[in-house]
Amino acid sequence: EMTFYRSGDSAVSPSFQTVEIRDEVSEELPSTGTKHIERKASGKIVVFNEYGAESIKLRATTRFQTPNGKIFRTPVAITIPGTRVENGKTVPGSIEVEVLADEPGASYNVGLVDLTIPGLQGDPSYTKVYGRAKTPLEGGYSGEVPVVSEADKNKAEGELAGQLERKLTERL
């Protein structure tokens, strides 16, 4: 039976000391392969309520439509405050929300636009409750992108692990 003690815990030998060393190694690799990706455009919009003093609730996935017919949806339910009077003027209620394109692709990169809510069409509130992009609606993409091949990545990981082990051993 053997008992080990940390250095300084006891005068009894053998003793040990815990040592931690850290480092990193890296390498840039050329893109030798391709991968198909699809990304949906997104951005922030401000939803306005000019319809009346009562708040309006919109469920998660409410559709917002751009002038060119592209649909964006809210991932969460929102409540748009009603209008209020400030200094004798009626001010619309508003709330900021993130929206996500219905489909991936660059055709959904529409920039700063006004949006309607198709679900309100035919209702008097249709022109009084709307969205306006606060940030460009962008980031949509569908196509091939260059990537590092799996074989090149695996080879580099093995080489880097060896370099790191040698480097840490030298420091130790």
N, C-alpha and C. Protein backbone atom coordinates (compact mmCIF):
# COMPACT_ATOMS: atom_id res chain seq x y z
N GLU A 1 0.86 -1.17 0.00
CA GLU A 1 0.00 0.00 0.00
C GLU A 1 0.91 1.24 0.00
N MET A 2 0.56 2.21 -0.87
CA MET A 2 1.35 3.44 -0.94
C MET A 2 0.42 4.63 -0.73
N THR A 3 0.90 5.62 -0.08
CA THR A 3 0.16 6.85 0.13
C THR A 3 0.98 7.99 -0.43
N PHE A 4 0.34 8.85 -1.23
CA PHE A 4 1.01 10.00 -1.81
C PHE A 4 0.45 11.26 -1.19
N TYR A 5 1.30 12.25 -0.99
CA TYR A 5 0.90 13.52 -0.42
C TYR A 5 1.33 14.64 -1.35
N ARG A 6 0.51 15.69 -1.40
CA ARG A 6 0.93 16.88 -2.13
C ARG A 6 2.12 17.48 -1.41
N SER A 7 3.00 18.10 -2.16
CA SER A 7 4.17 18.76 -1.55
C SER A 7 3.69 19.74 -0.49
N GLY A 8 4.27 19.68 0.67
CA GLY A 8 3.93 20.60 1.74
C GLY A 8 2.80 20.11 2.63
N ASP A 9 2.05 19.08 2.22
CA ASP A 9 0.95 18.57 3.06
C ASP A 9 1.48 17.68 4.17
N SER A 10 2.61 17.08 3.93
CA SER A 10 3.16 16.16 4.92
C SER A 10 4.64 15.97 4.63
N ALA A 11 5.36 15.66 5.62
CA ALA A 11 6.80 15.45 5.43
C ALA A 11 7.07 14.06 4.89
N VAL A 12 6.04 13.25 4.79
CA VAL A 12 6.21 11.87 4.35
C VAL A 12 6.40 11.83 2.84
N SER A 13 7.32 11.04 2.36
CA SER A 13 7.54 10.89 0.92
C SER A 13 6.85 9.63 0.48
N PRO A 14 6.55 9.41 -0.72
CA PRO A 14 6.75 10.33 -1.84
C PRO A 14 5.64 11.37 -1.91
N SER A 15 5.95 12.50 -2.49
CA SER A 15 4.97 13.57 -2.63
C SER A 15 4.84 13.92 -4.11
N PHE A 16 3.82 14.68 -4.42
CA PHE A 16 3.63 15.09 -5.81
C PHE A 16 3.13 16.52 -5.85
N GLN A 17 3.19 17.08 -7.04
CA GLN A 17 2.73 18.45 -7.26
C GLN A 17 1.93 18.45 -8.54
N THR A 18 0.77 19.11 -8.53
CA THR A 18 -0.04 19.21 -9.75
C THR A 18 0.43 20.43 -10.53
N VAL A 19 0.69 20.23 -11.81
CA VAL A 19 1.14 21.31 -12.67
C VAL A 19 0.19 21.40 -13.85
N GLU A 20 -0.22 22.60 -14.18
CA GLU A 20 -1.08 22.79 -15.35
C GLU A 20 -0.37 23.72 -16.31
N ILE A 21 -0.27 23.29 -17.55
CA ILE A 21 0.31 24.14 -18.58
C ILE A 21 -0.64 24.18 -19.76
N ARG A 22 -0.69 25.33 -20.40
CA ARG A 22 -1.58 25.51 -21.54
C ARG A 22 -0.84 26.21 -22.66
N ASP A 23 -1.27 25.92 -23.84
CA ASP A 23 -0.73 26.60 -25.02
C ASP A 23 -1.66 26.30 -26.17
N GLU A 24 -1.38 26.88 -27.30
CA GLU A 24 -2.19 26.58 -28.48
C GLU A 24 -1.32 26.67 -29.72
N VAL A 25 -1.75 25.95 -30.70
CA VAL A 25 -1.11 25.99 -32.01
C VAL A 25 -2.22 26.12 -33.05
N SER A 26 -1.89 26.73 -34.17
CA SER A 26 -2.90 26.87 -35.22
C SER A 26 -2.22 26.88 -36.58
N GLU A 27 -3.04 26.69 -37.58
CA GLU A 27 -2.54 26.68 -38.95
C GLU A 27 -3.70 27.06 -39.87
N GLU A 28 -3.42 27.88 -40.85
CA GLU A 28 -4.43 28.21 -41.85
C GLU A 28 -4.39 27.15 -42.93
N LEU A 29 -5.57 26.70 -43.33
CA LEU A 29 -5.66 25.68 -44.36
C LEU A 29 -6.38 26.24 -45.58
N PRO A 30 -5.96 25.84 -46.76
CA PRO A 30 -6.67 26.30 -47.97
C PRO A 30 -8.00 25.57 -48.13
N SER A 31 -8.94 26.25 -48.73
CA SER A 31 -10.23 25.64 -49.04
C SER A 31 -10.03 24.73 -50.25
N THR A 32 -10.26 23.45 -50.04
CA THR A 32 -10.07 22.50 -51.14
C THR A 32 -11.35 21.79 -51.51
N GLY A 33 -12.41 22.07 -50.80
CA GLY A 33 -13.69 21.43 -51.10
C GLY A 33 -14.80 22.47 -51.11
N THR A 34 -16.02 22.00 -51.33
CA THR A 34 -17.17 22.90 -51.28
C THR A 34 -18.29 22.23 -50.49
N LYS A 35 -19.19 23.06 -50.02
CA LYS A 35 -20.33 22.57 -49.25
C LYS A 35 -21.53 23.42 -49.61
N HIS A 36 -22.69 22.80 -49.75
CA HIS A 36 -23.92 23.54 -50.04
C HIS A 36 -24.52 24.03 -48.72
N ILE A 37 -24.78 25.33 -48.65
CA ILE A 37 -25.43 25.87 -47.47
C ILE A 37 -26.65 26.69 -47.87
N GLU A 38 -27.58 26.78 -46.95
CA GLU A 38 -28.76 27.61 -47.14
C GLU A 38 -28.95 28.41 -45.86
N ARG A 39 -29.06 29.71 -46.02
CA ARG A 39 -29.24 30.60 -44.89
C ARG A 39 -30.40 31.54 -45.18
N LYS A 40 -31.22 31.78 -44.17
CA LYS A 40 -32.36 32.69 -44.31
C LYS A 40 -31.93 34.10 -43.90
N ALA A 41 -32.41 35.08 -44.65
CA ALA A 41 -32.16 36.48 -44.31
C ALA A 41 -32.89 36.81 -43.01
N SER A 42 -32.35 37.77 -42.28
CA SER A 42 -33.00 38.18 -41.04
C SER A 42 -32.67 39.64 -40.76
N GLY A 43 -33.31 40.19 -39.78
CA GLY A 43 -33.06 41.57 -39.38
C GLY A 43 -34.07 41.99 -38.33
N LYS A 44 -33.94 43.23 -37.90
CA LYS A 44 -34.86 43.77 -36.90
C LYS A 44 -35.82 44.74 -37.58
N ILE A 45 -37.07 44.64 -37.16
CA ILE A 45 -38.08 45.59 -37.63
C ILE A 45 -38.75 46.24 -36.43
N VAL A 46 -39.31 47.41 -36.67
CA VAL A 46 -40.14 48.06 -35.66
C VAL A 46 -41.57 47.93 -36.16
N VAL A 47 -42.44 47.38 -35.32
CA VAL A 47 -43.85 47.21 -35.69
C VAL A 47 -44.62 48.36 -35.03
N PHE A 48 -45.37 49.08 -35.85
CA PHE A 48 -46.11 50.25 -35.40
C PHE A 48 -47.60 49.96 -35.32
N ASN A 49 -48.25 50.58 -34.35
CA ASN A 49 -49.70 50.51 -34.19
C ASN A 49 -50.24 51.93 -34.21
N GLU A 50 -50.76 52.35 -35.35
CA GLU A 50 -51.40 53.66 -35.49
C GLU A 50 -52.93 53.51 -35.45
N TYR A 51 -53.40 52.30 -35.21
CA TYR A 51 -54.83 52.00 -35.32
C TYR A 51 -55.65 52.57 -34.16
N GLY A 52 -55.11 52.46 -32.95
CA GLY A 52 -55.90 52.93 -31.80
C GLY A 52 -55.12 52.80 -30.51
N ALA A 53 -55.79 53.18 -29.42
CA ALA A 53 -55.16 53.20 -28.10
C ALA A 53 -55.00 51.81 -27.48
N GLU A 54 -55.69 50.82 -28.02
CA GLU A 54 -55.58 49.48 -27.46
C GLU A 54 -54.38 48.74 -28.05
N SER A 55 -53.74 47.94 -27.21
CA SER A 55 -52.62 47.12 -27.67
C SER A 55 -53.12 46.06 -28.64
N ILE A 56 -52.25 45.65 -29.54
CA ILE A 56 -52.59 44.59 -30.50
C ILE A 56 -51.60 43.45 -30.30
N LYS A 57 -52.14 42.25 -30.15
CA LYS A 57 -51.30 41.07 -29.96
C LYS A 57 -51.15 40.34 -31.29
N LEU A 58 -49.92 39.97 -31.60
CA LEU A 58 -49.63 39.16 -32.79
C LEU A 58 -48.93 37.89 -32.33
N ARG A 59 -49.36 36.78 -32.87
CA ARG A 59 -48.80 35.50 -32.45
C ARG A 59 -47.42 35.27 -33.06
N ALA A 60 -46.71 34.31 -32.50
CA ALA A 60 -45.43 33.90 -33.08
C ALA A 60 -45.70 33.42 -34.50
N THR A 61 -44.80 33.61 -35.37
CA THR A 61 -44.86 33.28 -36.81
C THR A 61 -45.78 34.19 -37.60
N THR A 62 -46.15 35.35 -37.04
CA THR A 62 -46.93 36.33 -37.81
C THR A 62 -46.14 36.70 -39.06
N ARG A 63 -46.85 36.75 -40.19
CA ARG A 63 -46.20 37.08 -41.47
C ARG A 63 -46.14 38.58 -41.68
N PHE A 64 -44.99 39.02 -42.16
CA PHE A 64 -44.78 40.41 -42.61
C PHE A 64 -44.33 40.32 -44.06
N GLN A 65 -44.93 41.13 -44.92
CA GLN A 65 -44.66 41.04 -46.36
C GLN A 65 -44.01 42.32 -46.88
N THR A 66 -42.96 42.13 -47.68
CA THR A 66 -42.26 43.26 -48.30
C THR A 66 -43.03 43.69 -49.54
N PRO A 67 -42.73 44.87 -50.09
CA PRO A 67 -43.41 45.32 -51.31
C PRO A 67 -43.23 44.35 -52.49
N ASN A 68 -42.13 43.60 -52.51
CA ASN A 68 -41.93 42.65 -53.62
C ASN A 68 -42.46 41.25 -53.29
N GLY A 69 -43.25 41.13 -52.21
CA GLY A 69 -43.92 39.87 -51.90
C GLY A 69 -43.16 38.88 -51.04
N LYS A 70 -41.97 39.22 -50.57
CA LYS A 70 -41.19 38.31 -49.73
C LYS A 70 -41.78 38.29 -48.32
N ILE A 71 -41.87 37.10 -47.73
CA ILE A 71 -42.48 36.93 -46.41
C ILE A 71 -41.38 36.73 -45.35
N PHE A 72 -41.52 37.48 -44.27
CA PHE A 72 -40.67 37.34 -43.08
C PHE A 72 -41.60 37.06 -41.91
N ARG A 73 -41.10 36.32 -40.92
CA ARG A 73 -41.94 35.95 -39.77
C ARG A 73 -41.26 36.31 -38.45
N THR A 74 -42.10 36.58 -37.46
CA THR A 74 -41.60 36.82 -36.11
C THR A 74 -41.48 35.46 -35.42
N PRO A 75 -40.36 35.20 -34.75
CA PRO A 75 -40.24 33.91 -34.05
C PRO A 75 -40.99 33.87 -32.73
N VAL A 76 -41.41 35.04 -32.22
CA VAL A 76 -42.09 35.11 -30.93
C VAL A 76 -43.37 35.93 -31.05
N ALA A 77 -44.27 35.71 -30.12
CA ALA A 77 -45.49 36.52 -30.05
C ALA A 77 -45.10 37.91 -29.57
N ILE A 78 -45.80 38.92 -30.06
CA ILE A 78 -45.51 40.30 -29.63
C ILE A 78 -46.81 41.02 -29.31
N THR A 79 -46.71 42.04 -28.47
CA THR A 79 -47.83 42.92 -28.18
C THR A 79 -47.39 44.33 -28.54
N ILE A 80 -48.10 44.93 -29.48
CA ILE A 80 -47.78 46.28 -29.92
C ILE A 80 -48.60 47.24 -29.09
N PRO A 81 -47.95 48.14 -28.36
CA PRO A 81 -48.71 49.09 -27.55
C PRO A 81 -49.61 49.97 -28.44
N GLY A 82 -50.66 50.47 -27.86
CA GLY A 82 -51.56 51.35 -28.58
C GLY A 82 -50.99 52.75 -28.71
N THR A 83 -51.72 53.58 -29.42
CA THR A 83 -51.29 54.98 -29.59
C THR A 83 -51.37 55.70 -28.25
N ARG A 84 -50.62 56.80 -28.15
CA ARG A 84 -50.66 57.63 -26.96
C ARG A 84 -50.54 59.09 -27.41
N VAL A 85 -50.94 59.98 -26.54
CA VAL A 85 -50.88 61.41 -26.87
C VAL A 85 -49.72 62.03 -26.11
N GLU A 86 -48.83 62.70 -26.86
CA GLU A 86 -47.70 63.42 -26.28
C GLU A 86 -47.69 64.83 -26.84
N ASN A 87 -47.71 65.82 -25.97
CA ASN A 87 -47.70 67.23 -26.38
C ASN A 87 -48.81 67.53 -27.40
N GLY A 88 -49.97 66.94 -27.19
CA GLY A 88 -51.11 67.19 -28.06
C GLY A 88 -51.09 66.43 -29.38
N LYS A 89 -50.09 65.58 -29.60
CA LYS A 89 -50.01 64.81 -30.86
C LYS A 89 -50.15 63.33 -30.57
N THR A 90 -50.81 62.63 -31.48
CA THR A 90 -50.96 61.19 -31.35
C THR A 90 -49.69 60.50 -31.86
N VAL A 91 -49.10 59.68 -30.98
CA VAL A 91 -47.87 58.96 -31.30
C VAL A 91 -48.21 57.47 -31.38
N PRO A 92 -47.80 56.79 -32.48
CA PRO A 92 -48.10 55.36 -32.58
C PRO A 92 -47.31 54.54 -31.56
N GLY A 93 -47.93 53.45 -31.10
CA GLY A 93 -47.20 52.51 -30.27
C GLY A 93 -46.26 51.72 -31.16
N SER A 94 -45.18 51.23 -30.58
CA SER A 94 -44.23 50.46 -31.39
C SER A 94 -43.47 49.47 -30.54
N ILE A 95 -42.96 48.45 -31.21
CA ILE A 95 -42.13 47.44 -30.57
C ILE A 95 -41.14 46.92 -31.60
N GLU A 96 -39.94 46.62 -31.14
CA GLU A 96 -38.90 46.09 -32.02
C GLU A 96 -38.90 44.56 -31.92
N VAL A 97 -38.74 43.91 -33.07
CA VAL A 97 -38.73 42.44 -33.09
C VAL A 97 -37.82 41.95 -34.21
N GLU A 98 -37.23 40.80 -33.99
CA GLU A 98 -36.40 40.13 -35.01
C GLU A 98 -37.34 39.39 -35.96
N VAL A 99 -37.03 39.41 -37.25
CA VAL A 99 -37.80 38.63 -38.21
C VAL A 99 -36.85 37.75 -39.02
N LEU A 100 -37.40 36.66 -39.53
CA LEU A 100 -36.63 35.68 -40.30
C LEU A 100 -37.38 35.37 -41.59
N ALA A 101 -36.64 35.32 -42.69
CA ALA A 101 -37.24 35.04 -43.99
C ALA A 101 -37.90 33.67 -43.99
N ASP A 102 -38.95 33.55 -44.78
CA ASP A 102 -39.64 32.27 -44.91
C ASP A 102 -38.78 31.21 -45.59
N GLU A 103 -37.92 31.64 -46.50
CA GLU A 103 -37.10 30.71 -47.27
C GLU A 103 -35.66 31.22 -47.34
N PRO A 104 -34.72 30.31 -47.55
CA PRO A 104 -33.33 30.75 -47.72
C PRO A 104 -33.12 31.36 -49.10
N GLY A 105 -32.06 32.11 -49.24
CA GLY A 105 -31.69 32.63 -50.55
C GLY A 105 -31.46 34.11 -50.56
N ALA A 106 -30.65 34.55 -51.52
CA ALA A 106 -30.27 35.95 -51.66
C ALA A 106 -31.45 36.83 -52.07
N SER A 107 -32.49 36.26 -52.66
CA SER A 107 -33.63 37.08 -53.09
C SER A 107 -34.36 37.70 -51.89
N TYR A 108 -34.10 37.20 -50.67
CA TYR A 108 -34.71 37.76 -49.46
C TYR A 108 -33.86 38.86 -48.84
N ASN A 109 -32.72 39.18 -49.42
CA ASN A 109 -31.90 40.29 -48.95
C ASN A 109 -32.50 41.57 -49.52
N VAL A 110 -33.40 42.19 -48.77
CA VAL A 110 -34.19 43.30 -49.29
C VAL A 110 -33.83 44.66 -48.69
N GLY A 111 -32.88 44.69 -47.78
CA GLY A 111 -32.47 45.98 -47.21
C GLY A 111 -33.48 46.57 -46.27
N LEU A 112 -33.57 47.90 -46.29
CA LEU A 112 -34.50 48.64 -45.42
C LEU A 112 -35.81 48.86 -46.17
N VAL A 113 -36.87 48.22 -45.71
CA VAL A 113 -38.17 48.30 -46.38
C VAL A 113 -39.29 48.42 -45.36
N ASP A 114 -40.47 48.82 -45.85
CA ASP A 114 -41.68 48.78 -45.04
C ASP A 114 -42.37 47.45 -45.32
N LEU A 115 -43.06 46.93 -44.31
CA LEU A 115 -43.71 45.64 -44.44
C LEU A 115 -45.17 45.73 -43.99
N THR A 116 -46.02 45.01 -44.67
CA THR A 116 -47.43 44.92 -44.27
C THR A 116 -47.66 43.58 -43.60
N ILE A 117 -48.83 43.45 -42.99
CA ILE A 117 -49.20 42.18 -42.34
C ILE A 117 -50.35 41.59 -43.16
N PRO A 118 -50.07 40.60 -44.02
CA PRO A 118 -51.11 40.05 -44.91
C PRO A 118 -52.33 39.54 -44.16
N GLY A 119 -52.15 39.06 -42.94
CA GLY A 119 -53.27 38.54 -42.16
C GLY A 119 -54.30 39.60 -41.79
N LEU A 120 -53.93 40.86 -41.89
CA LEU A 120 -54.86 41.94 -41.57
C LEU A 120 -55.56 42.49 -42.80
N GLN A 121 -55.21 41.98 -43.99
CA GLN A 121 -55.79 42.49 -45.23
C GLN A 121 -57.32 42.38 -45.15
N GLY A 122 -58.01 43.46 -45.54
CA GLY A 122 -59.46 43.50 -45.47
C GLY A 122 -59.97 44.08 -44.16
N ASP A 123 -59.08 44.21 -43.17
CA ASP A 123 -59.44 44.79 -41.88
C ASP A 123 -59.05 46.27 -41.89
N PRO A 124 -59.80 47.13 -41.20
CA PRO A 124 -59.45 48.56 -41.17
C PRO A 124 -58.04 48.82 -40.62
N SER A 125 -57.50 47.90 -39.83
CA SER A 125 -56.17 48.09 -39.23
C SER A 125 -55.04 47.79 -40.21
N TYR A 126 -55.37 47.26 -41.39
CA TYR A 126 -54.33 46.82 -42.35
C TYR A 126 -53.31 47.91 -42.66
N THR A 127 -53.74 49.13 -42.89
CA THR A 127 -52.80 50.21 -43.24
C THR A 127 -52.27 50.94 -42.00
N LYS A 128 -52.80 50.60 -40.82
CA LYS A 128 -52.41 51.30 -39.60
C LYS A 128 -51.50 50.48 -38.69
N VAL A 129 -51.33 49.20 -39.00
CA VAL A 129 -50.42 48.33 -38.25
C VAL A 129 -49.45 47.77 -39.28
N TYR A 130 -48.19 48.09 -39.12
CA TYR A 130 -47.20 47.75 -40.16
C TYR A 130 -45.82 47.65 -39.54
N GLY A 131 -44.88 47.16 -40.32
CA GLY A 131 -43.50 47.06 -39.88
C GLY A 131 -42.60 47.92 -40.73
N ARG A 132 -41.51 48.33 -40.16
CA ARG A 132 -40.49 49.09 -40.89
C ARG A 132 -39.13 48.55 -40.46
N ALA A 133 -38.32 48.15 -41.43
CA ALA A 133 -37.01 47.59 -41.11
C ALA A 133 -36.15 48.59 -40.36
N LYS A 134 -35.61 48.17 -39.24
CA LYS A 134 -34.69 49.00 -38.46
C LYS A 134 -33.26 48.71 -38.91
N THR A 135 -33.00 47.44 -39.26
CA THR A 135 -31.72 47.03 -39.82
C THR A 135 -32.00 46.42 -41.19
N PRO A 136 -31.03 46.39 -42.07
CA PRO A 136 -31.28 45.73 -43.36
C PRO A 136 -31.69 44.27 -43.14
N LEU A 137 -32.62 43.82 -43.93
CA LEU A 137 -33.03 42.41 -43.90
C LEU A 137 -32.09 41.72 -44.89
N GLU A 138 -31.12 41.00 -44.33
CA GLU A 138 -30.06 40.45 -45.17
C GLU A 138 -29.48 39.18 -44.56
N GLY A 139 -28.51 38.60 -45.26
CA GLY A 139 -27.85 37.39 -44.79
C GLY A 139 -28.35 36.13 -45.48
N GLY A 140 -29.34 36.28 -46.37
CA GLY A 140 -29.86 35.11 -47.08
C GLY A 140 -28.87 34.61 -48.12
N TYR A 141 -28.75 33.30 -48.21
CA TYR A 141 -27.82 32.71 -49.17
C TYR A 141 -28.23 31.27 -49.45
N SER A 142 -28.01 30.84 -50.66
CA SER A 142 -28.21 29.45 -51.01
C SER A 142 -27.20 29.13 -52.10
N GLY A 143 -26.29 28.22 -51.81
CA GLY A 143 -25.29 27.87 -52.81
C GLY A 143 -24.09 27.18 -52.21
N GLU A 144 -23.07 27.05 -53.04
CA GLU A 144 -21.85 26.37 -52.64
C GLU A 144 -20.88 27.38 -52.00
N VAL A 145 -20.22 26.95 -50.95
CA VAL A 145 -19.19 27.77 -50.32
C VAL A 145 -17.92 26.93 -50.19
N PRO A 146 -16.76 27.57 -50.28
CA PRO A 146 -15.52 26.83 -50.13
C PRO A 146 -15.31 26.41 -48.67
N VAL A 147 -14.83 25.20 -48.47
CA VAL A 147 -14.54 24.68 -47.14
C VAL A 147 -13.25 23.86 -47.18
N VAL A 148 -12.69 23.63 -46.03
CA VAL A 148 -11.55 22.74 -45.90
C VAL A 148 -12.08 21.32 -45.95
N SER A 149 -11.47 20.47 -46.76
CA SER A 149 -11.95 19.08 -46.86
C SER A 149 -11.73 18.36 -45.54
N GLU A 150 -12.52 17.34 -45.27
CA GLU A 150 -12.40 16.54 -44.05
C GLU A 150 -11.02 15.90 -43.95
N ALA A 151 -10.51 15.40 -45.07
CA ALA A 151 -9.19 14.75 -45.07
C ALA A 151 -8.11 15.74 -44.66
N ASP A 152 -8.14 16.96 -45.25
CA ASP A 152 -7.15 17.98 -44.89
C ASP A 152 -7.29 18.40 -43.43
N LYS A 153 -8.53 18.53 -42.96
CA LYS A 153 -8.78 18.90 -41.57
C LYS A 153 -8.23 17.85 -40.61
N ASN A 154 -8.52 16.58 -40.89
CA ASN A 154 -8.05 15.49 -40.03
C ASN A 154 -6.53 15.41 -40.01
N LYS A 155 -5.91 15.59 -41.16
CA LYS A 155 -4.44 15.55 -41.25
C LYS A 155 -3.85 16.68 -40.42
N ALA A 156 -4.40 17.88 -40.57
CA ALA A 156 -3.90 19.05 -39.83
C ALA A 156 -4.09 18.87 -38.33
N GLU A 157 -5.23 18.31 -37.91
CA GLU A 157 -5.46 18.09 -36.48
C GLU A 157 -4.41 17.16 -35.90
N GLY A 158 -4.09 16.10 -36.63
CA GLY A 158 -3.06 15.16 -36.17
C GLY A 158 -1.70 15.83 -36.05
N GLU A 159 -1.32 16.62 -37.07
CA GLU A 159 -0.04 17.31 -37.04
C GLU A 159 0.00 18.35 -35.92
N LEU A 160 -1.07 19.08 -35.74
CA LEU A 160 -1.12 20.10 -34.69
C LEU A 160 -1.08 19.48 -33.30
N ALA A 161 -1.72 18.34 -33.13
CA ALA A 161 -1.68 17.65 -31.84
C ALA A 161 -0.25 17.26 -31.50
N GLY A 162 0.49 16.78 -32.49
CA GLY A 162 1.90 16.43 -32.27
C GLY A 162 2.73 17.65 -31.92
N GLN A 163 2.53 18.76 -32.65
CA GLN A 163 3.25 20.00 -32.37
C GLN A 163 2.97 20.49 -30.95
N LEU A 164 1.69 20.44 -30.56
CA LEU A 164 1.30 20.90 -29.24
C LEU A 164 1.91 20.03 -28.15
N GLU A 165 1.90 18.72 -28.36
CA GLU A 165 2.48 17.81 -27.37
C GLU A 165 3.97 18.11 -27.18
N ARG A 166 4.71 18.29 -28.29
CA ARG A 166 6.15 18.61 -28.20
C ARG A 166 6.37 19.95 -27.48
N LYS A 167 5.57 20.93 -27.82
CA LYS A 167 5.69 22.26 -27.22
C LYS A 167 5.43 22.23 -25.71
N LEU A 168 4.40 21.51 -25.31
CA LEU A 168 4.05 21.43 -23.89
C LEU A 168 5.10 20.61 -23.12
N THR A 169 5.61 19.58 -23.74
CA THR A 169 6.65 18.76 -23.10
C THR A 169 7.89 19.59 -22.87
N GLU A 170 8.28 20.42 -23.83
CA GLU A 170 9.45 21.30 -23.67
C GLU A 170 9.23 22.25 -22.50
N ARG A 171 8.05 22.84 -22.41
CA ARG A 171 7.77 23.79 -21.34
C ARG A 171 7.73 23.12 -19.98
N LEU A 172 7.26 21.88 -19.94
CA LEU A 172 7.17 21.15 -18.69
C LEU A 172 8.56 20.85 -18.18
